[in-house]
N, C-alpha and C. Protein backbone atom coordinates (compact mmCIF):
# COMPACT_ATOMS: atom_id res chain seq x y z
N MET A 1 -3.85 5.51 16.99
CA MET A 1 -3.40 4.97 15.70
C MET A 1 -4.54 5.06 14.70
N PHE A 2 -4.17 5.41 13.48
CA PHE A 2 -5.14 5.60 12.41
C PHE A 2 -5.39 4.34 11.59
N TYR A 3 -4.75 3.21 11.97
CA TYR A 3 -4.77 2.03 11.11
C TYR A 3 -5.11 0.75 11.85
N LYS A 4 -5.74 -0.15 11.12
CA LYS A 4 -5.90 -1.54 11.54
C LYS A 4 -4.87 -2.33 10.73
N ILE A 5 -4.12 -3.21 11.38
CA ILE A 5 -3.08 -3.96 10.68
C ILE A 5 -3.35 -5.45 10.83
N ASP A 6 -3.42 -6.13 9.70
CA ASP A 6 -3.60 -7.58 9.65
C ASP A 6 -2.29 -8.17 9.15
N THR A 7 -1.57 -8.85 10.03
CA THR A 7 -0.24 -9.36 9.71
C THR A 7 -0.31 -10.76 9.11
N LYS A 8 0.32 -10.91 7.97
CA LYS A 8 0.45 -12.20 7.29
C LYS A 8 1.92 -12.57 7.25
N GLU A 9 2.24 -13.73 6.71
CA GLU A 9 3.63 -14.18 6.69
C GLU A 9 4.54 -13.27 5.87
N ASN A 10 4.14 -12.95 4.64
CA ASN A 10 5.00 -12.19 3.72
C ASN A 10 4.56 -10.75 3.49
N PHE A 11 3.42 -10.37 4.04
CA PHE A 11 2.91 -9.02 3.83
C PHE A 11 1.95 -8.66 4.96
N ASP A 12 1.68 -7.37 5.08
CA ASP A 12 0.68 -6.88 6.02
C ASP A 12 -0.41 -6.17 5.23
N ILE A 13 -1.63 -6.26 5.73
CA ILE A 13 -2.75 -5.50 5.16
C ILE A 13 -3.01 -4.36 6.14
N ILE A 14 -2.86 -3.15 5.64
CA ILE A 14 -3.00 -1.96 6.47
C ILE A 14 -4.25 -1.21 6.01
N THR A 15 -5.20 -1.02 6.94
CA THR A 15 -6.47 -0.40 6.60
C THR A 15 -6.64 0.90 7.37
N PRO A 16 -6.61 2.05 6.67
CA PRO A 16 -6.89 3.32 7.35
C PRO A 16 -8.28 3.29 7.97
N GLN A 17 -8.41 3.86 9.17
CA GLN A 17 -9.66 3.79 9.91
C GLN A 17 -10.42 5.11 9.95
N MET A 18 -10.12 6.01 9.02
CA MET A 18 -10.82 7.29 8.97
C MET A 18 -11.29 7.54 7.54
N SER A 19 -12.34 8.33 7.41
CA SER A 19 -12.90 8.56 6.08
C SER A 19 -12.08 9.55 5.25
N GLN A 20 -11.35 10.45 5.90
CA GLN A 20 -10.52 11.41 5.19
C GLN A 20 -9.05 11.08 5.44
N PHE A 21 -8.33 10.75 4.38
CA PHE A 21 -6.91 10.41 4.48
C PHE A 21 -6.12 11.71 4.38
N ASN A 22 -5.44 12.08 5.48
CA ASN A 22 -4.70 13.33 5.49
C ASN A 22 -3.21 13.08 5.65
N TYR A 23 -2.42 14.16 5.63
CA TYR A 23 -0.97 14.01 5.66
C TYR A 23 -0.46 13.40 6.97
N ASN A 24 -1.13 13.66 8.09
CA ASN A 24 -0.73 13.02 9.35
C ASN A 24 -0.85 11.51 9.24
N MET A 25 -1.90 11.05 8.60
CA MET A 25 -2.08 9.61 8.38
C MET A 25 -1.00 9.08 7.45
N ALA A 26 -0.67 9.85 6.42
CA ALA A 26 0.36 9.43 5.47
C ALA A 26 1.71 9.30 6.17
N GLU A 27 2.02 10.23 7.05
CA GLU A 27 3.29 10.16 7.78
C GLU A 27 3.34 8.92 8.67
N GLU A 28 2.23 8.62 9.34
CA GLU A 28 2.19 7.42 10.18
C GLU A 28 2.31 6.15 9.33
N LEU A 29 1.67 6.16 8.16
CA LEU A 29 1.76 5.02 7.25
C LEU A 29 3.20 4.81 6.79
N ILE A 30 3.90 5.89 6.48
CA ILE A 30 5.30 5.79 6.06
C ILE A 30 6.15 5.17 7.18
N THR A 31 5.89 5.57 8.41
CA THR A 31 6.61 5.00 9.55
C THR A 31 6.31 3.51 9.71
N LEU A 32 5.04 3.14 9.61
CA LEU A 32 4.66 1.72 9.69
C LEU A 32 5.33 0.91 8.59
N CYS A 33 5.33 1.45 7.40
CA CYS A 33 5.86 0.72 6.25
C CYS A 33 7.38 0.62 6.25
N ALA A 34 8.04 1.55 6.89
CA ALA A 34 9.51 1.48 6.96
C ALA A 34 9.94 0.20 7.67
N GLN A 35 9.23 -0.17 8.73
CA GLN A 35 9.55 -1.39 9.46
C GLN A 35 9.29 -2.63 8.59
N LEU A 36 8.23 -2.61 7.81
CA LEU A 36 7.94 -3.73 6.91
C LEU A 36 9.07 -3.93 5.92
N GLN A 37 9.54 -2.83 5.33
CA GLN A 37 10.60 -2.91 4.34
C GLN A 37 11.89 -3.46 4.94
N ILE A 38 12.18 -3.07 6.16
CA ILE A 38 13.37 -3.58 6.86
C ILE A 38 13.27 -5.09 7.01
N ASN A 39 12.05 -5.58 7.25
CA ASN A 39 11.81 -7.02 7.45
C ASN A 39 11.49 -7.76 6.15
N ASP A 40 11.72 -7.11 4.99
CA ASP A 40 11.45 -7.70 3.67
C ASP A 40 10.01 -8.17 3.52
N LYS A 41 9.08 -7.37 4.03
CA LYS A 41 7.66 -7.67 3.89
C LYS A 41 7.00 -6.66 2.96
N SER A 42 6.06 -7.14 2.18
CA SER A 42 5.28 -6.28 1.30
C SER A 42 4.07 -5.76 2.06
N ALA A 43 3.30 -4.89 1.42
CA ALA A 43 2.12 -4.33 2.08
C ALA A 43 0.98 -4.12 1.10
N ILE A 44 -0.22 -4.21 1.64
CA ILE A 44 -1.44 -3.85 0.91
C ILE A 44 -2.11 -2.76 1.74
N ILE A 45 -2.44 -1.66 1.10
CA ILE A 45 -3.17 -0.59 1.77
C ILE A 45 -4.61 -0.68 1.29
N ASP A 46 -5.51 -1.00 2.22
CA ASP A 46 -6.92 -1.21 1.91
C ASP A 46 -7.70 0.07 2.25
N PHE A 47 -8.17 0.76 1.23
CA PHE A 47 -8.86 2.04 1.40
C PHE A 47 -10.38 1.89 1.55
N THR A 48 -10.84 0.78 2.09
CA THR A 48 -12.27 0.53 2.24
C THR A 48 -13.02 1.68 2.91
N MET A 49 -12.46 2.24 3.95
CA MET A 49 -13.16 3.28 4.73
C MET A 49 -12.88 4.70 4.25
N VAL A 50 -11.91 4.87 3.36
CA VAL A 50 -11.47 6.21 2.95
C VAL A 50 -12.35 6.76 1.83
N GLU A 51 -12.85 7.97 2.05
CA GLU A 51 -13.70 8.63 1.06
C GLU A 51 -13.03 9.83 0.40
N GLY A 52 -11.98 10.36 1.04
CA GLY A 52 -11.30 11.52 0.50
C GLY A 52 -9.83 11.52 0.86
N ILE A 53 -9.04 12.27 0.06
CA ILE A 53 -7.60 12.34 0.27
C ILE A 53 -7.12 13.70 -0.20
N ASP A 54 -6.08 14.23 0.48
CA ASP A 54 -5.54 15.53 0.05
C ASP A 54 -4.32 15.34 -0.85
N GLU A 55 -3.96 16.39 -1.55
CA GLU A 55 -2.88 16.34 -2.55
C GLU A 55 -1.54 15.95 -1.94
N LYS A 56 -1.23 16.47 -0.77
CA LYS A 56 0.04 16.17 -0.11
C LYS A 56 0.13 14.67 0.22
N SER A 57 -0.98 14.07 0.59
CA SER A 57 -1.01 12.64 0.90
C SER A 57 -0.82 11.79 -0.35
N ILE A 58 -1.36 12.25 -1.46
CA ILE A 58 -1.20 11.53 -2.72
C ILE A 58 0.29 11.44 -3.07
N LYS A 59 0.99 12.54 -2.95
CA LYS A 59 2.43 12.57 -3.23
C LYS A 59 3.17 11.63 -2.27
N ALA A 60 2.76 11.60 -1.01
CA ALA A 60 3.39 10.72 -0.03
C ALA A 60 3.17 9.26 -0.39
N LEU A 61 1.98 8.90 -0.86
CA LEU A 61 1.70 7.51 -1.26
C LEU A 61 2.53 7.12 -2.48
N GLU A 62 2.67 8.02 -3.42
CA GLU A 62 3.48 7.74 -4.60
C GLU A 62 4.94 7.53 -4.21
N HIS A 63 5.43 8.35 -3.30
CA HIS A 63 6.81 8.19 -2.82
C HIS A 63 6.96 6.87 -2.05
N LEU A 64 5.97 6.53 -1.25
CA LEU A 64 5.99 5.27 -0.51
C LEU A 64 6.08 4.08 -1.46
N HIS A 65 5.33 4.14 -2.55
CA HIS A 65 5.34 3.08 -3.56
C HIS A 65 6.76 2.92 -4.12
N GLU A 66 7.40 4.03 -4.44
CA GLU A 66 8.78 4.00 -4.96
C GLU A 66 9.74 3.38 -3.94
N GLN A 67 9.56 3.73 -2.67
CA GLN A 67 10.42 3.18 -1.61
C GLN A 67 10.31 1.67 -1.53
N PHE A 68 9.09 1.14 -1.58
CA PHE A 68 8.90 -0.30 -1.50
C PHE A 68 9.66 -1.00 -2.62
N TYR A 69 9.48 -0.52 -3.85
CA TYR A 69 10.09 -1.20 -4.98
C TYR A 69 11.61 -1.01 -5.02
N SER A 70 12.11 0.10 -4.49
CA SER A 70 13.56 0.26 -4.42
C SER A 70 14.15 -0.67 -3.36
N ASN A 71 13.34 -1.12 -2.42
CA ASN A 71 13.77 -2.08 -1.39
C ASN A 71 13.39 -3.52 -1.76
N ASN A 72 12.96 -3.73 -3.00
CA ASN A 72 12.67 -5.06 -3.54
C ASN A 72 11.52 -5.78 -2.83
N VAL A 73 10.51 -5.01 -2.43
CA VAL A 73 9.27 -5.56 -1.89
C VAL A 73 8.10 -4.86 -2.58
N SER A 74 6.91 -5.38 -2.42
CA SER A 74 5.76 -4.90 -3.18
C SER A 74 4.80 -4.07 -2.32
N LEU A 75 4.05 -3.21 -2.99
CA LEU A 75 3.00 -2.41 -2.37
C LEU A 75 1.82 -2.34 -3.33
N ALA A 76 0.63 -2.59 -2.80
CA ALA A 76 -0.59 -2.49 -3.62
C ALA A 76 -1.66 -1.74 -2.83
N PHE A 77 -2.54 -1.10 -3.56
CA PHE A 77 -3.66 -0.38 -2.98
C PHE A 77 -4.95 -1.01 -3.49
N CYS A 78 -5.95 -1.13 -2.61
CA CYS A 78 -7.23 -1.70 -3.05
C CYS A 78 -8.40 -0.92 -2.44
N HIS A 79 -9.56 -1.17 -3.01
CA HIS A 79 -10.83 -0.57 -2.58
C HIS A 79 -10.81 0.96 -2.63
N LEU A 80 -10.21 1.51 -3.67
CA LEU A 80 -10.22 2.97 -3.85
C LEU A 80 -11.57 3.40 -4.42
N THR A 81 -12.11 4.49 -3.90
CA THR A 81 -13.37 4.99 -4.43
C THR A 81 -13.15 5.59 -5.82
N SER A 82 -14.23 5.76 -6.55
CA SER A 82 -14.14 6.34 -7.88
C SER A 82 -13.68 7.80 -7.82
N LYS A 83 -13.78 8.41 -6.65
CA LYS A 83 -13.30 9.78 -6.45
C LYS A 83 -11.78 9.83 -6.24
N ILE A 84 -11.24 8.82 -5.57
CA ILE A 84 -9.82 8.81 -5.23
C ILE A 84 -8.96 8.19 -6.33
N LYS A 85 -9.43 7.12 -6.93
CA LYS A 85 -8.63 6.38 -7.90
C LYS A 85 -8.03 7.25 -9.00
N PRO A 86 -8.78 8.16 -9.63
CA PRO A 86 -8.19 8.96 -10.71
C PRO A 86 -7.12 9.95 -10.23
N LEU A 87 -7.06 10.21 -8.95
CA LEU A 87 -6.09 11.16 -8.41
C LEU A 87 -4.70 10.54 -8.28
N LEU A 88 -4.64 9.21 -8.19
CA LEU A 88 -3.37 8.51 -8.00
C LEU A 88 -2.72 8.18 -9.34
N SER A 89 -1.42 8.10 -9.32
CA SER A 89 -0.65 7.78 -10.52
C SER A 89 -1.03 6.41 -11.08
N ALA A 90 -1.05 6.31 -12.38
CA ALA A 90 -1.33 5.03 -13.03
C ALA A 90 -0.20 4.03 -12.81
N ASP A 91 0.95 4.50 -12.35
CA ASP A 91 2.09 3.62 -12.10
C ASP A 91 1.95 2.81 -10.81
N LEU A 92 1.02 3.19 -9.95
CA LEU A 92 0.82 2.48 -8.69
C LEU A 92 0.07 1.17 -8.94
N ASN A 93 0.28 0.21 -8.06
CA ASN A 93 -0.46 -1.05 -8.13
C ASN A 93 -1.82 -0.85 -7.46
N ILE A 94 -2.85 -0.66 -8.27
CA ILE A 94 -4.19 -0.42 -7.77
C ILE A 94 -5.08 -1.58 -8.22
N THR A 95 -5.74 -2.22 -7.26
CA THR A 95 -6.63 -3.33 -7.58
C THR A 95 -8.02 -3.04 -7.02
N PRO A 96 -9.05 -3.60 -7.65
CA PRO A 96 -10.41 -3.36 -7.17
C PRO A 96 -10.70 -4.03 -5.82
N SER A 97 -10.09 -5.19 -5.58
CA SER A 97 -10.44 -5.94 -4.37
C SER A 97 -9.20 -6.39 -3.61
N LEU A 98 -9.40 -6.79 -2.38
CA LEU A 98 -8.31 -7.27 -1.54
C LEU A 98 -7.71 -8.55 -2.10
N ILE A 99 -8.52 -9.46 -2.57
CA ILE A 99 -8.01 -10.75 -3.08
C ILE A 99 -7.10 -10.50 -4.29
N GLU A 100 -7.45 -9.53 -5.13
CA GLU A 100 -6.60 -9.21 -6.28
C GLU A 100 -5.29 -8.57 -5.84
N ALA A 101 -5.33 -7.78 -4.78
CA ALA A 101 -4.11 -7.19 -4.24
C ALA A 101 -3.20 -8.29 -3.67
N ILE A 102 -3.80 -9.25 -2.98
CA ILE A 102 -3.03 -10.37 -2.44
C ILE A 102 -2.40 -11.16 -3.58
N ASP A 103 -3.16 -11.42 -4.63
CA ASP A 103 -2.63 -12.14 -5.80
C ASP A 103 -1.45 -11.38 -6.42
N LEU A 104 -1.60 -10.07 -6.57
CA LEU A 104 -0.54 -9.26 -7.16
C LEU A 104 0.73 -9.31 -6.31
N ILE A 105 0.59 -9.12 -5.01
CA ILE A 105 1.74 -9.17 -4.09
C ILE A 105 2.41 -10.55 -4.15
N SER A 106 1.60 -11.59 -4.16
CA SER A 106 2.13 -12.96 -4.20
C SER A 106 2.86 -13.23 -5.50
N MET A 107 2.29 -12.81 -6.63
CA MET A 107 2.93 -13.02 -7.93
C MET A 107 4.26 -12.28 -8.02
N GLU A 108 4.30 -11.05 -7.54
CA GLU A 108 5.56 -10.31 -7.58
C GLU A 108 6.61 -10.97 -6.68
N GLY A 109 6.19 -11.52 -5.55
CA GLY A 109 7.11 -12.23 -4.67
C GLY A 109 7.69 -13.46 -5.35
N LEU A 110 6.82 -14.19 -6.05
CA LEU A 110 7.29 -15.37 -6.81
C LEU A 110 8.26 -14.97 -7.90
N GLU A 111 7.97 -13.90 -8.61
CA GLU A 111 8.86 -13.41 -9.66
C GLU A 111 10.24 -13.08 -9.09
N ARG A 112 10.27 -12.40 -7.95
CA ARG A 112 11.55 -12.05 -7.33
C ARG A 112 12.32 -13.31 -6.94
N GLU A 113 11.62 -14.33 -6.42
CA GLU A 113 12.28 -15.59 -6.05
C GLU A 113 12.86 -16.28 -7.29
N LEU A 114 12.08 -16.34 -8.37
CA LEU A 114 12.54 -16.99 -9.59
C LEU A 114 13.71 -16.25 -10.23
N MET A 115 13.67 -14.94 -10.20
CA MET A 115 14.75 -14.15 -10.78
C MET A 115 16.03 -14.27 -9.95
N GLY A 116 15.87 -14.53 -8.67
CA GLY A 116 17.02 -14.63 -7.78
C GLY A 116 17.75 -15.95 -7.89
N GLU A 117 17.13 -16.96 -8.51
CA GLU A 117 17.74 -18.29 -8.61
C GLU A 117 18.74 -18.38 -9.73
């Protein structure tokens, strides 16, 4: 497995464990995240260890982001290097730190609860 997973009540923190994020890792991430979406859980992808990413993986991450929001759950990315961050779409939820990603996921969850009432 390419990931460390820290399970919380409403979301999981998924941390890639390799320095180069490739399409095989993206496919495994999509599989992991499909189960989260089924269980109405959000996710944070922590790129602390990642130093590089390929173009095909970037497209997969953007598609994954769309999937989460179409299933009414949140996805955020944190700890992106200055090399990777500009490669990703500005539409993605990108935060500098894990605590900010947790705050973003929590706020969006609260918004969904309030809108549902």
